[in-house]
């Protein structure tokens, strides 16, 4: 429980910037895209990129990587969040269809 409290405190102090990095990366992708999306769809993508980058932060925060590489990873995750989520959903469906085959 103390670990979770420490992580929440650390996120409040400096981790929130990671959410902004992910959101900014997705905003850049949307601005450079020729695909027309509604404002709501764009906001959903920016918000999901923010969440995905924050999840990556919780995983990578205490790893032995340079801050530069971590920031690069957070930005890349922000840009490719829709593909990451689609891949995870696809893996989940494959597992649901035949768990034994998936594990082998």
Protein backbone atom coordinates (compact mmCIF):
# COMPACT_ATOMS: atom_id res chain seq x y z
CA UNK A 1 0.00 0.00 0.00
CA UNK A 2 2.89 2.35 0.74
CA UNK A 3 4.27 1.77 -2.75
CA UNK A 4 0.99 2.92 -4.29
CA UNK A 5 0.90 6.01 -2.08
CA UNK A 6 4.49 6.85 -3.04
CA UNK A 7 3.69 6.38 -6.74
CA UNK A 8 0.63 8.63 -6.53
CA UNK A 9 2.66 11.29 -4.72
CA UNK A 10 5.43 11.06 -7.31
CA UNK A 11 2.91 11.36 -10.16
CA UNK A 12 1.39 14.45 -8.56
CA UNK A 13 4.81 16.04 -8.15
CA UNK A 14 6.32 15.37 -11.57
CA UNK A 15 4.64 12.49 -13.42
CA UNK A 16 1.71 14.52 -14.73
CA UNK A 17 3.98 16.04 -17.37
CA UNK A 18 4.12 12.60 -18.99
CA UNK A 19 0.38 12.76 -19.64
CA UNK A 20 0.96 16.06 -21.42
CA UNK A 21 3.75 14.54 -23.54
CA UNK A 22 1.42 11.75 -24.69
CA UNK A 23 -1.44 14.17 -25.35
CA UNK A 24 0.85 16.54 -27.29
CA UNK A 25 2.18 13.65 -29.40
CA UNK A 26 -1.35 12.61 -30.34
CA UNK A 27 -2.33 16.22 -31.05
CA UNK A 28 0.63 16.46 -33.43
CA UNK A 29 -0.48 13.27 -35.16
CA UNK A 30 -4.03 14.55 -35.52
CA UNK A 31 -2.87 17.92 -36.87
CA UNK A 32 -0.70 16.26 -39.51
CA UNK A 33 -3.33 13.70 -40.52
CA UNK A 34 -5.56 14.03 -43.57
CA UNK A 35 -8.28 11.90 -41.93
CA UNK A 36 -11.23 14.01 -40.81
CA UNK A 37 -12.45 13.22 -37.31
CA UNK A 38 -15.07 14.92 -35.20
CA UNK A 39 -13.92 17.09 -32.32
CA UNK A 40 -15.19 14.43 -29.90
CA UNK A 41 -13.16 11.69 -31.64
CA UNK A 42 -10.07 13.88 -31.55
CA UNK A 43 -10.53 14.58 -27.84
CA UNK A 44 -10.99 10.85 -27.17
CA UNK A 45 -7.71 10.08 -28.94
CA UNK A 46 -5.81 12.82 -27.11
CA UNK A 47 -7.20 11.65 -23.76
CA UNK A 48 -6.42 7.98 -24.46
CA UNK A 49 -2.86 8.91 -25.50
CA UNK A 50 -2.51 10.78 -22.22
CA UNK A 51 -3.65 7.73 -20.26
CA UNK A 52 -1.41 5.37 -22.24
CA UNK A 53 1.66 7.51 -21.63
CA UNK A 54 0.82 7.66 -17.94
CA UNK A 55 0.56 3.87 -17.80
CA UNK A 56 3.96 3.65 -19.49
CA UNK A 57 5.31 6.07 -16.89
CA UNK A 58 4.17 3.81 -14.05
CA UNK A 59 5.97 0.90 -15.70
CA UNK A 60 9.18 2.70 -16.65
CA UNK A 61 9.59 5.16 -13.79
CA UNK A 62 11.93 3.00 -11.76
CA UNK A 63 13.80 1.35 -14.61
CA UNK A 64 17.41 2.10 -15.41
CA UNK A 65 16.88 4.09 -18.63
CA UNK A 66 17.99 7.61 -19.35
CA UNK A 67 15.35 10.34 -19.09
CA UNK A 68 15.78 11.04 -22.80
CA UNK A 69 14.84 7.49 -23.78
CA UNK A 70 11.92 7.46 -21.39
CA UNK A 71 10.58 10.73 -22.83
CA UNK A 72 11.00 9.29 -26.33
CA UNK A 73 9.04 6.19 -25.34
CA UNK A 74 6.25 8.26 -23.77
CA UNK A 75 5.93 10.36 -26.94
CA UNK A 76 5.96 7.35 -29.26
CA UNK A 77 3.31 5.64 -27.15
CA UNK A 78 1.22 8.80 -27.35
CA UNK A 79 1.46 8.83 -31.14
CA UNK A 80 0.59 5.16 -31.66
CA UNK A 81 -1.98 4.70 -28.89
CA UNK A 82 -4.84 3.67 -31.25
CA UNK A 83 -2.67 0.90 -32.72
CA UNK A 84 -1.51 -0.25 -29.28
CA UNK A 85 -5.09 -0.47 -28.02
CA UNK A 86 -6.22 -2.28 -31.18
CA UNK A 87 -3.39 -4.79 -30.75
CA UNK A 88 -4.24 -5.44 -27.11
CA UNK A 89 -7.92 -5.95 -28.00
CA UNK A 90 -6.92 -8.34 -30.81
CA UNK A 91 -4.75 -10.36 -28.40
CA UNK A 92 -7.61 -10.48 -25.91
CA UNK A 93 -10.00 -11.78 -28.55
CA UNK A 94 -7.49 -14.44 -29.65
CA UNK A 95 -7.09 -15.53 -26.04
CA UNK A 96 -10.86 -15.58 -25.50
CA UNK A 97 -11.37 -17.70 -28.62
CA UNK A 98 -8.90 -20.43 -27.65
CA UNK A 99 -6.86 -19.86 -24.45
CA UNK A 100 -4.92 -23.12 -24.74
CA UNK A 101 -3.76 -22.39 -28.29
CA UNK A 102 -2.81 -18.85 -27.29
CA UNK A 103 -0.59 -20.02 -24.43
CA UNK A 104 1.22 -22.72 -26.45
